[in-house]
N, C-alpha and C. Protein backbone atom coordinates (compact mmCIF):
# COMPACT_ATOMS: atom_id res chain seq x y z
N MET A 1 -3.51 -17.20 78.19
CA MET A 1 -4.73 -16.41 77.12
C MET A 1 -3.65 -15.77 76.00
N THR A 2 -2.95 -15.13 76.73
CA THR A 2 -1.79 -14.31 76.05
C THR A 2 -1.29 -15.04 74.46
N TYR A 3 -1.50 -16.67 75.07
CA TYR A 3 -0.39 -17.72 73.80
C TYR A 3 -1.18 -17.97 72.86
N THR A 4 -2.70 -17.85 73.54
CA THR A 4 -4.03 -18.37 72.53
C THR A 4 -4.04 -17.15 71.75
N ARG A 5 -4.16 -15.99 71.96
CA ARG A 5 -4.16 -15.18 70.94
C ARG A 5 -3.03 -14.67 69.80
N LYS A 6 -1.65 -14.76 70.15
CA LYS A 6 -0.34 -14.61 69.56
C LYS A 6 -0.93 -15.86 67.76
N PRO A 7 -1.03 -17.22 68.43
CA PRO A 7 -1.25 -18.29 67.46
C PRO A 7 -2.56 -17.38 66.59
N LEU A 8 -3.33 -17.15 67.04
CA LEU A 8 -4.72 -16.62 66.34
C LEU A 8 -4.17 -15.46 65.09
N LEU A 9 -3.53 -14.36 65.77
CA LEU A 9 -3.05 -13.44 65.18
C LEU A 9 -2.25 -13.67 64.00
N PHE A 10 -1.61 -14.72 64.31
CA PHE A 10 -0.36 -15.19 63.03
C PHE A 10 -1.25 -16.06 62.28
N ILE A 11 -2.30 -16.84 62.44
CA ILE A 11 -3.05 -17.50 61.29
C ILE A 11 -3.95 -16.38 60.73
N ALA A 12 -4.26 -15.45 61.21
CA ALA A 12 -5.06 -14.69 60.57
C ALA A 12 -4.02 -13.52 59.74
N PHE A 13 -2.62 -13.14 60.38
CA PHE A 13 -1.82 -12.61 59.20
C PHE A 13 -1.70 -13.50 58.24
N LEU A 14 -1.35 -14.74 58.07
CA LEU A 14 -1.13 -15.92 57.40
C LEU A 14 -2.22 -15.67 56.19
N THR A 15 -3.14 -16.02 56.27
CA THR A 15 -4.61 -16.00 55.62
C THR A 15 -4.51 -14.41 54.96
N LEU A 16 -4.18 -13.66 55.69
CA LEU A 16 -4.66 -12.09 55.02
C LEU A 16 -3.27 -12.24 53.97
N PHE A 17 -2.12 -12.45 54.35
CA PHE A 17 -0.96 -12.18 53.54
C PHE A 17 -1.30 -13.67 52.48
N ALA A 18 -1.84 -14.88 52.36
CA ALA A 18 -2.04 -15.69 51.43
C ALA A 18 -3.40 -15.10 50.49
N GLY A 19 -4.13 -14.65 50.83
CA GLY A 19 -5.19 -13.64 49.98
C GLY A 19 -4.74 -12.81 49.23
N ALA A 20 -3.76 -12.10 49.58
CA ALA A 20 -3.39 -11.24 48.85
C ALA A 20 -2.30 -11.42 47.78
N CYS A 21 -1.68 -12.73 48.34
CA CYS A 21 -0.83 -12.91 46.88
C CYS A 21 -1.77 -13.32 46.34
N LYS A 22 -2.93 -14.44 46.20
CA LYS A 22 -4.15 -15.09 45.16
C LYS A 22 -4.64 -13.90 44.80
N ASN A 23 -4.64 -12.87 45.25
CA ASN A 23 -5.49 -11.96 44.30
C ASN A 23 -4.39 -11.29 43.60
N ASP A 24 -3.18 -11.04 43.79
CA ASP A 24 -2.28 -10.48 43.18
C ASP A 24 -2.02 -11.57 41.82
N GLU A 25 -2.05 -12.75 41.94
CA GLU A 25 -2.17 -14.03 40.82
C GLU A 25 -2.82 -13.78 40.12
N GLU A 26 -4.19 -13.54 40.54
CA GLU A 26 -5.81 -13.89 39.49
C GLU A 26 -5.94 -12.39 38.77
N ASN A 27 -4.36 -11.29 39.47
CA ASN A 27 -5.35 -10.21 38.71
C ASN A 27 -3.78 -9.55 37.45
N VAL A 28 -3.36 -10.94 37.36
CA VAL A 28 -2.09 -10.78 36.21
C VAL A 28 -2.95 -11.53 34.67
N ALA A 29 -2.80 -10.56 33.74
CA ALA A 29 -3.64 -10.58 32.40
C ALA A 29 -3.15 -11.77 31.92
N PRO A 30 -4.15 -13.01 31.21
CA PRO A 30 -3.21 -13.91 30.40
C PRO A 30 -3.06 -13.72 29.16
N THR A 31 -1.65 -14.03 28.97
CA THR A 31 -1.45 -14.29 27.82
C THR A 31 -1.66 -15.11 26.50
N ASP A 32 -2.02 -14.43 25.28
CA ASP A 32 -2.10 -15.12 24.54
C ASP A 32 -1.61 -15.29 23.39
N ASP A 33 -0.46 -15.85 22.66
CA ASP A 33 0.74 -15.78 21.83
C ASP A 33 0.12 -15.91 20.49
N ASN A 34 -0.83 -17.10 20.53
CA ASN A 34 -1.36 -16.98 19.10
C ASN A 34 -2.23 -16.23 18.83
N GLU A 35 -2.32 -15.83 17.23
CA GLU A 35 -3.05 -14.90 16.63
C GLU A 35 -4.46 -15.51 16.74
N ALA A 36 -5.98 -15.22 17.25
CA ALA A 36 -7.49 -15.70 16.56
C ALA A 36 -7.94 -15.41 15.13
N ILE A 37 -7.74 -16.47 15.10
CA ILE A 37 -8.51 -16.18 12.94
C ILE A 37 -9.36 -16.96 12.90
N THR A 38 -10.82 -16.15 12.14
CA THR A 38 -11.63 -16.66 11.73
C THR A 38 -11.98 -16.71 10.45
N THR A 39 -11.48 -16.07 9.68
CA THR A 39 -11.67 -15.88 8.45
C THR A 39 -10.03 -15.75 7.46
N ALA A 40 -9.62 -16.25 6.61
CA ALA A 40 -8.77 -16.33 5.78
C ALA A 40 -9.28 -16.27 4.25
N THR A 41 -8.49 -14.87 3.21
CA THR A 41 -8.83 -15.27 2.16
C THR A 41 -7.47 -14.95 0.92
N LEU A 42 -7.66 -15.54 -0.06
CA LEU A 42 -6.16 -16.03 -0.81
C LEU A 42 -6.76 -14.87 -1.73
N THR A 43 -6.02 -14.15 -2.38
CA THR A 43 -6.51 -13.44 -3.37
C THR A 43 -5.03 -13.36 -4.07
N LEU A 44 -5.58 -13.76 -5.91
CA LEU A 44 -4.27 -13.87 -6.86
C LEU A 44 -4.66 -13.08 -7.91
N THR A 45 -3.72 -12.01 -8.41
CA THR A 45 -4.25 -11.34 -9.50
C THR A 45 -3.12 -11.90 -10.79
N ASN A 46 -3.73 -11.96 -11.94
CA ASN A 46 -3.11 -12.36 -12.70
C ASN A 46 -1.67 -11.16 -13.10
N LYS A 47 -0.33 -11.59 -13.32
CA LYS A 47 0.38 -10.65 -13.88
C LYS A 47 0.24 -9.87 -15.03
N ALA A 48 -0.10 -10.82 -15.68
CA ALA A 48 -0.13 -10.10 -17.34
C ALA A 48 -1.85 -9.61 -17.61
N VAL A 49 -2.60 -9.95 -16.77
CA VAL A 49 -3.80 -9.36 -17.31
C VAL A 49 -3.93 -8.78 -15.47
N PRO A 50 -3.72 -7.50 -14.83
CA PRO A 50 -4.15 -7.52 -13.68
C PRO A 50 -5.72 -7.08 -13.36
N THR A 51 -6.81 -7.46 -14.55
CA THR A 51 -8.00 -7.23 -14.17
C THR A 51 -8.42 -8.21 -13.82
N GLU A 52 -7.68 -9.66 -13.99
CA GLU A 52 -7.89 -10.83 -13.87
C GLU A 52 -7.43 -10.92 -12.56
N ILE A 53 -8.36 -11.28 -11.34
CA ILE A 53 -8.41 -11.82 -10.11
C ILE A 53 -9.35 -12.24 -9.40
N VAL A 54 -8.63 -13.46 -8.85
CA VAL A 54 -9.39 -14.80 -8.26
C VAL A 54 -9.57 -14.45 -6.62
N THR A 55 -10.42 -15.24 -5.78
CA THR A 55 -10.30 -15.18 -4.49
C THR A 55 -11.34 -15.94 -3.95
N ALA A 56 -10.24 -16.39 -2.65
CA ALA A 56 -10.94 -17.62 -2.51
C ALA A 56 -11.07 -17.73 -0.64
N THR A 57 -12.14 -17.71 -0.17
CA THR A 57 -12.19 -17.52 1.09
C THR A 57 -12.67 -18.65 2.02
N ILE A 58 -12.07 -19.02 3.28
CA ILE A 58 -12.86 -19.94 4.24
C ILE A 58 -12.69 -18.71 5.68
N ASP A 59 -14.61 -19.18 5.82
CA ASP A 59 -14.91 -18.91 7.07
C ASP A 59 -14.74 -19.66 8.31
N ASN A 60 -14.82 -19.34 9.55
CA ASN A 60 -15.36 -20.33 10.34
C ASN A 60 -14.17 -20.64 10.88
N LEU A 61 -13.09 -20.66 10.84
CA LEU A 61 -11.79 -21.41 11.23
C LEU A 61 -11.60 -22.15 12.46
N ASN A 62 -12.39 -21.36 13.50
CA ASN A 62 -12.11 -21.81 14.90
C ASN A 62 -13.60 -22.71 15.53
N THR A 63 -14.23 -22.81 14.42
CA THR A 63 -15.81 -23.26 14.71
C THR A 63 -15.74 -24.42 13.56
N THR A 64 -16.43 -24.66 12.73
CA THR A 64 -16.72 -25.49 11.63
C THR A 64 -16.63 -24.96 10.38
N ALA A 65 -15.58 -24.75 9.68
CA ALA A 65 -15.04 -23.90 8.46
C ALA A 65 -16.07 -24.67 7.39
N ASP A 66 -15.78 -22.95 6.82
CA ASP A 66 -16.86 -23.39 5.34
C ASP A 66 -16.10 -23.05 4.51
N PHE A 67 -15.81 -24.25 3.55
CA PHE A 67 -14.79 -24.18 2.45
C PHE A 67 -16.01 -23.73 1.09
N SER A 68 -17.43 -22.99 1.35
CA SER A 68 -17.91 -23.16 -0.04
C SER A 68 -17.60 -22.08 -1.04
N LYS A 69 -16.47 -21.38 -0.48
CA LYS A 69 -15.67 -20.11 -1.39
C LYS A 69 -14.58 -20.28 -1.12
N ALA A 70 -13.88 -21.46 -1.16
CA ALA A 70 -12.26 -21.77 -0.93
C ALA A 70 -12.08 -22.36 -2.21
N THR A 71 -12.17 -22.16 -3.19
CA THR A 71 -11.89 -22.47 -4.75
C THR A 71 -11.02 -21.83 -5.48
N LEU A 72 -9.83 -21.59 -5.65
CA LEU A 72 -9.31 -20.66 -6.72
C LEU A 72 -9.24 -21.74 -8.43
N THR A 73 -9.94 -20.88 -9.08
CA THR A 73 -9.49 -21.53 -10.78
C THR A 73 -8.21 -20.48 -11.39
N LEU A 74 -7.25 -21.05 -11.78
CA LEU A 74 -6.82 -20.42 -12.41
C LEU A 74 -6.10 -20.96 -13.49
N LYS A 75 -5.70 -19.97 -14.79
CA LYS A 75 -5.25 -20.33 -15.50
C LYS A 75 -3.66 -20.97 -15.49
N ALA A 76 -3.66 -22.03 -16.60
CA ALA A 76 -2.55 -22.68 -16.64
C ALA A 76 -1.10 -22.06 -17.57
N ASN A 77 -0.03 -22.02 -17.11
CA ASN A 77 1.27 -21.53 -17.60
C ASN A 77 0.73 -19.84 -17.13
N THR A 78 0.55 -19.68 -16.17
CA THR A 78 0.65 -18.00 -15.74
C THR A 78 0.90 -17.47 -13.95
N THR A 79 1.64 -16.44 -14.36
CA THR A 79 1.90 -16.06 -13.23
C THR A 79 1.68 -15.22 -12.35
N TYR A 80 0.60 -14.75 -11.18
CA TYR A 80 0.03 -14.49 -10.30
C TYR A 80 0.37 -13.75 -9.02
N THR A 81 0.22 -12.83 -8.49
CA THR A 81 0.65 -12.32 -7.06
C THR A 81 -0.03 -12.37 -6.43
N GLY A 82 -0.18 -12.63 -5.02
CA GLY A 82 -0.98 -13.10 -4.23
C GLY A 82 -0.90 -12.49 -3.05
N VAL A 83 -1.94 -12.44 -2.51
CA VAL A 83 -1.97 -11.51 -1.20
C VAL A 83 -2.95 -12.41 -0.14
N VAL A 84 -2.94 -12.59 1.10
CA VAL A 84 -3.27 -13.46 2.25
C VAL A 84 -3.97 -12.04 3.06
N THR A 85 -5.30 -12.19 3.45
CA THR A 85 -5.50 -11.65 4.30
C THR A 85 -6.33 -12.43 5.43
N LEU A 86 -6.00 -11.77 6.77
CA LEU A 86 -6.56 -12.69 7.78
C LEU A 86 -7.70 -12.06 8.86
N LEU A 87 -8.73 -11.89 9.44
CA LEU A 87 -9.82 -11.69 9.81
C LEU A 87 -10.00 -12.18 11.31
N ASP A 88 -10.54 -11.42 12.86
CA ASP A 88 -10.68 -12.06 13.72
C ASP A 88 -12.29 -11.48 13.82
N LYS A 89 -13.36 -12.67 13.17
CA LYS A 89 -14.90 -11.68 13.65
C LYS A 89 -15.25 -11.99 14.95
N THR A 90 -14.46 -12.62 15.57
CA THR A 90 -15.01 -12.40 17.21
C THR A 90 -15.03 -11.20 18.04
N LYS A 91 -13.92 -10.19 17.52
CA LYS A 91 -14.24 -9.56 17.85
C LYS A 91 -15.32 -8.10 17.40
N THR A 92 -15.57 -7.30 18.16
CA THR A 92 -16.29 -6.11 17.85
C THR A 92 -15.71 -4.82 17.82
N PRO A 93 -14.88 -4.05 16.49
CA PRO A 93 -15.72 -4.30 15.61
C PRO A 93 -14.69 -5.46 15.04
N VAL A 94 -14.39 -6.01 13.91
CA VAL A 94 -13.80 -7.00 13.14
C VAL A 94 -12.07 -6.88 13.32
N LEU A 95 -11.58 -7.95 13.89
CA LEU A 95 -10.01 -6.82 13.74
C LEU A 95 -9.35 -7.60 12.30
N ASP A 96 -8.66 -6.86 12.31
CA ASP A 96 -7.54 -7.37 11.05
C ASP A 96 -6.65 -8.02 11.38
N ALA A 97 -6.77 -9.05 11.29
CA ALA A 97 -5.12 -10.28 11.84
C ALA A 97 -3.91 -9.51 10.81
N THR A 98 -4.69 -9.73 9.62
CA THR A 98 -3.31 -9.64 9.10
C THR A 98 -2.56 -7.95 9.23
N ALA A 99 -3.15 -6.98 10.13
CA ALA A 99 -2.03 -5.52 10.21
C ALA A 99 -1.51 -6.14 11.81
N GLU A 100 -1.94 -7.17 12.44
CA GLU A 100 -1.08 -7.19 13.60
C GLU A 100 0.12 -8.49 13.10
N ILE A 101 -0.21 -9.14 12.20
CA ILE A 101 0.77 -10.01 11.65
C ILE A 101 1.93 -9.04 11.53
N ARG A 102 1.19 -8.16 10.65
CA ARG A 102 2.56 -7.34 9.59
C ARG A 102 3.56 -6.62 10.24
N GLU A 103 2.57 -6.33 11.58
CA GLU A 103 3.01 -5.44 12.77
C GLU A 103 4.42 -6.03 13.47
N LYS A 104 3.99 -7.60 13.76
CA LYS A 104 4.98 -8.39 14.01
C LYS A 104 5.38 -9.56 13.04
N ALA A 105 5.64 -8.95 12.12
CA ALA A 105 6.30 -9.76 11.09
C ALA A 105 7.80 -10.55 11.55
N ASN A 106 8.43 -10.18 12.33
CA ASN A 106 9.49 -10.96 12.64
C ASN A 106 9.40 -11.93 13.25
N GLU A 107 7.84 -12.18 13.36
CA GLU A 107 7.46 -13.85 14.65
C GLU A 107 6.66 -14.37 14.03
N HIS A 108 6.40 -13.99 12.34
CA HIS A 108 5.68 -14.83 11.33
C HIS A 108 5.92 -15.35 10.42
N LEU A 109 5.71 -16.34 9.74
CA LEU A 109 6.03 -17.26 8.43
C LEU A 109 4.71 -17.79 8.00
N PHE A 110 4.46 -17.50 6.98
CA PHE A 110 3.49 -18.32 6.13
C PHE A 110 4.11 -19.39 5.38
N VAL A 111 3.42 -20.49 5.62
CA VAL A 111 4.01 -21.77 4.43
C VAL A 111 3.21 -22.11 3.57
N TYR A 112 3.41 -22.58 2.49
CA TYR A 112 2.24 -22.79 1.08
C TYR A 112 2.69 -24.06 0.69
N THR A 113 2.12 -24.76 0.60
CA THR A 113 2.44 -26.37 0.37
C THR A 113 1.48 -27.01 -0.63
N PRO A 114 1.64 -26.61 -1.69
CA PRO A 114 0.86 -27.61 -2.96
C PRO A 114 1.05 -29.36 -2.68
N SER A 115 -0.36 -29.67 -2.69
CA SER A 115 -0.57 -31.09 -2.84
C SER A 115 0.64 -31.83 -3.71
N THR A 116 0.79 -33.35 -4.13
CA THR A 116 1.46 -33.63 -4.94
C THR A 116 0.37 -34.01 -6.14
N GLY A 117 1.08 -33.23 -7.13
CA GLY A 117 0.54 -33.50 -8.61
C GLY A 117 0.11 -32.12 -9.15
N LEU A 118 -0.08 -30.81 -7.89
CA LEU A 118 -0.32 -29.78 -7.92
C LEU A 118 0.55 -28.74 -8.86
N ASN A 119 0.68 -28.27 -9.84
CA ASN A 119 1.63 -27.77 -10.47
C ASN A 119 1.55 -26.55 -10.46
N LEU A 120 1.83 -25.93 -9.05
CA LEU A 120 1.96 -24.35 -8.56
C LEU A 120 3.23 -24.86 -7.75
N THR A 121 4.02 -23.04 -7.95
CA THR A 121 4.79 -22.91 -7.16
C THR A 121 4.61 -21.39 -6.26
N ALA A 122 4.94 -21.87 -5.20
CA ALA A 122 4.73 -20.61 -4.35
C ALA A 122 6.17 -19.72 -3.98
N THR A 123 6.26 -18.47 -4.01
CA THR A 123 7.01 -17.53 -3.63
C THR A 123 6.87 -16.60 -2.93
N LEU A 124 7.35 -16.29 -1.71
CA LEU A 124 7.10 -15.63 -0.71
C LEU A 124 7.72 -13.89 -1.37
N THR A 125 7.34 -13.05 -1.06
CA THR A 125 7.69 -11.93 -2.08
C THR A 125 8.17 -10.95 -0.86
N ASP A 126 7.56 -10.65 0.26
CA ASP A 126 7.69 -9.87 1.06
C ASP A 126 8.91 -10.24 2.27
N ARG A 127 9.73 -9.40 3.25
CA ARG A 127 10.56 -9.94 4.10
C ARG A 127 10.22 -9.17 5.87
N ASP A 128 10.76 -10.01 6.23
CA ASP A 128 10.93 -8.88 7.59
C ASP A 128 11.95 -8.01 8.06
N THR A 129 12.15 -7.56 9.38
CA THR A 129 13.30 -7.00 9.50
C THR A 129 14.14 -7.26 10.45
N ASN A 130 14.38 -8.69 10.76
CA ASN A 130 15.39 -10.02 11.59
C ASN A 130 16.68 -9.45 11.21
N PRO A 131 17.33 -9.24 11.77
CA PRO A 131 18.89 -9.08 11.81
C PRO A 131 19.66 -10.34 11.37
N ALA A 132 20.97 -10.08 10.64
CA ALA A 132 21.57 -11.20 9.81
C ALA A 132 21.51 -12.43 10.66
N PRO A 133 21.22 -13.79 10.26
CA PRO A 133 21.15 -13.98 8.75
C PRO A 133 19.96 -13.68 8.20
N GLY A 134 19.11 -12.98 8.90
CA GLY A 134 17.45 -12.87 8.70
C GLY A 134 18.08 -11.53 7.67
N PRO A 135 17.12 -11.10 6.87
CA PRO A 135 15.48 -11.12 6.74
C PRO A 135 15.21 -12.10 6.36
N TYR A 136 13.96 -12.72 6.86
CA TYR A 136 13.40 -13.55 6.62
C TYR A 136 12.10 -13.38 5.78
N PRO A 137 11.58 -14.38 5.01
CA PRO A 137 10.68 -14.39 4.16
C PRO A 137 9.25 -14.04 5.28
N ILE A 138 8.19 -13.23 4.80
CA ILE A 138 6.93 -13.65 5.76
C ILE A 138 5.32 -14.37 4.91
N GLY A 139 5.43 -13.55 3.75
CA GLY A 139 4.17 -14.40 2.79
C GLY A 139 2.88 -14.05 3.00
N LEU A 140 2.77 -12.77 3.60
CA LEU A 140 1.84 -11.95 3.07
C LEU A 140 1.62 -11.51 1.67
N THR A 141 2.56 -11.80 0.87
CA THR A 141 2.64 -11.59 -0.27
C THR A 141 2.74 -12.62 -0.75
N THR A 142 2.62 -12.81 -2.29
CA THR A 142 3.78 -14.30 -2.82
C THR A 142 3.69 -13.87 -4.58
N GLU A 143 3.97 -14.67 -4.67
CA GLU A 143 4.20 -14.53 -6.43
C GLU A 143 4.03 -16.06 -6.44
N MET A 144 2.92 -16.64 -7.26
CA MET A 144 2.66 -17.95 -7.56
C MET A 144 2.48 -18.44 -9.28
N LYS A 145 3.24 -19.45 -9.40
CA LYS A 145 3.48 -19.46 -10.86
C LYS A 145 2.62 -21.23 -11.35
N THR A 146 2.01 -21.13 -12.10
CA THR A 146 0.79 -22.31 -12.58
C THR A 146 2.00 -23.14 -13.77
N GLY A 147 1.94 -24.09 -13.61
CA GLY A 147 2.43 -24.71 -14.85
C GLY A 147 0.76 -25.49 -15.58
N ALA A 148 1.20 -26.91 -15.87
CA ALA A 148 0.36 -27.46 -17.33
C ALA A 148 -1.00 -27.63 -15.78
N ALA A 149 -2.26 -28.10 -16.45
CA ALA A 149 -3.58 -28.17 -16.00
C ALA A 149 -3.60 -29.33 -14.87
N SER A 150 -3.65 -28.77 -13.89
CA SER A 150 -3.68 -30.28 -12.39
C SER A 150 -5.02 -29.39 -11.47
N SER A 151 -5.36 -30.39 -10.54
CA SER A 151 -5.79 -29.78 -9.42
C SER A 151 -5.52 -30.35 -7.84
N GLY A 152 -5.96 -29.76 -7.11
CA GLY A 152 -5.18 -30.03 -6.11
C GLY A 152 -5.25 -29.15 -4.47
N LYS A 153 -4.87 -29.37 -3.40
CA LYS A 153 -4.90 -28.51 -2.48
C LYS A 153 -3.49 -27.78 -1.89
N LEU A 154 -3.79 -26.28 -1.91
CA LEU A 154 -2.81 -25.41 -1.37
C LEU A 154 -2.85 -25.19 -0.23
N LYS A 155 -2.08 -25.96 0.84
CA LYS A 155 -2.13 -26.17 2.27
C LYS A 155 -1.56 -25.13 2.46
N LEU A 156 -2.24 -23.98 3.42
CA LEU A 156 -1.88 -22.53 3.99
C LEU A 156 -1.32 -22.97 5.52
N VAL A 157 -0.52 -22.45 6.22
CA VAL A 157 -0.13 -22.70 7.52
C VAL A 157 0.59 -21.48 7.77
N LEU A 158 0.43 -20.92 9.06
CA LEU A 158 1.13 -19.53 9.50
C LEU A 158 1.61 -19.72 10.69
N ARG A 159 2.49 -19.94 10.76
CA ARG A 159 3.88 -20.30 12.20
C ARG A 159 3.95 -19.08 12.77
N HIS A 160 3.61 -19.60 14.09
CA HIS A 160 3.95 -18.10 15.52
C HIS A 160 5.81 -18.27 15.57
N GLN A 161 6.40 -17.54 15.45
CA GLN A 161 7.77 -17.65 15.70
C GLN A 161 8.51 -16.88 16.65
N PRO A 162 7.64 -16.41 17.91
CA PRO A 162 8.42 -15.38 18.23
C PRO A 162 9.95 -15.76 18.94
N ASP A 163 11.12 -15.27 18.60
CA ASP A 163 12.45 -15.40 19.28
C ASP A 163 12.82 -16.78 18.97
N THR A 164 12.39 -17.47 17.77
CA THR A 164 12.54 -18.61 16.93
C THR A 164 12.74 -18.44 15.78
N LYS A 165 12.29 -17.33 15.01
CA LYS A 165 12.07 -17.23 13.54
C LYS A 165 13.68 -17.32 13.05
N ASN A 166 13.69 -18.46 11.92
CA ASN A 166 14.60 -18.85 11.28
C ASN A 166 14.83 -18.79 9.95
N GLY A 167 13.53 -18.54 9.53
CA GLY A 167 13.31 -18.98 8.02
C GLY A 167 12.83 -20.30 7.45
N THR A 168 12.26 -20.96 8.82
CA THR A 168 12.05 -22.92 8.17
C THR A 168 10.82 -22.20 8.93
N ALA A 169 9.93 -23.26 8.89
CA ALA A 169 8.50 -23.90 9.36
C ALA A 169 8.78 -24.40 10.64
N THR A 170 9.68 -24.87 11.05
CA THR A 170 10.00 -26.02 12.27
C THR A 170 9.65 -24.91 13.69
N PRO A 171 10.42 -23.73 13.81
CA PRO A 171 10.47 -23.71 15.32
C PRO A 171 8.81 -22.71 15.28
N GLY A 172 8.23 -22.92 16.27
CA GLY A 172 6.98 -22.28 17.12
C GLY A 172 5.54 -22.97 16.91
N THR A 173 4.36 -22.38 16.54
CA THR A 173 3.46 -23.22 16.49
C THR A 173 2.53 -22.45 15.82
N SER A 174 1.26 -23.32 15.64
CA SER A 174 0.74 -22.99 14.48
C SER A 174 -0.72 -21.92 15.09
N ASP A 175 -0.77 -20.39 13.99
CA ASP A 175 -1.86 -19.77 14.44
C ASP A 175 -2.80 -19.99 13.39
N LEU A 176 -2.33 -20.94 11.81
CA LEU A 176 -3.48 -21.01 11.43
C LEU A 176 -2.87 -22.19 10.30
N ASP A 177 -4.06 -23.30 9.57
CA ASP A 177 -3.56 -24.38 9.12
C ASP A 177 -4.82 -24.71 8.41
N THR A 178 -4.62 -24.85 6.99
CA THR A 178 -6.09 -24.65 6.33
C THR A 178 -5.73 -25.20 4.99
N ASP A 179 -6.67 -25.31 3.97
CA ASP A 179 -6.23 -25.76 2.65
C ASP A 179 -7.29 -25.16 1.80
N PHE A 180 -6.69 -24.71 0.68
CA PHE A 180 -7.82 -23.86 -0.52
C PHE A 180 -7.52 -24.76 -1.40
N THR A 181 -8.49 -25.03 -2.27
CA THR A 181 -8.45 -26.17 -3.61
C THR A 181 -8.38 -24.87 -4.84
N ILE A 182 -7.67 -25.94 -5.89
CA ILE A 182 -6.70 -25.51 -6.66
C ILE A 182 -7.22 -25.91 -7.80
N VAL A 183 -7.67 -25.37 -9.13
CA VAL A 183 -8.29 -25.98 -10.08
C VAL A 183 -7.22 -24.90 -11.39
N ILE A 184 -6.45 -25.70 -11.87
CA ILE A 184 -5.52 -25.23 -12.97
C ILE A 184 -6.12 -25.77 -14.13
N GLN A 185 -6.53 -25.24 -15.40
CA GLN A 185 -7.49 -25.49 -16.15
C GLN A 185 -6.77 -24.61 -17.39
């Protein structure tokens, strides 16, 4: 009878110990490295006439994207300053993801890519604080120059690059990947 109790006590101890380990694992908070973004707004201001401001917004980026307000109509041969604003509307109150990206600038890079034939160049004007060989561009602010009349898409990608940011779009994963329609006239 003594022999029967020891294995039962041992099994009970293992069950209790295994259950404790499982509970500890379940209490570990999940990590979500990528930013949750539901809304992207691109605002461009004419450098020569600062009262001329054009804005485009894409909503519902994580479900069925709404592109009805995603067109920017720009003047030919004009320089604009640009600002991108990102929100997470799944949170209450709405989370300003732009502030979080600014706070973690050393881990983020916006990539602006005009479609073929679109006479637009984008230069990133803000920098992070990464040590040499940085600092690297961020892309929350830009300078955009238009050329002759044309139209197309401006692809906007936000790269999440913790511990890998090197000034290029290659490392990391994408927090945002969307297109704005551009009409230059």
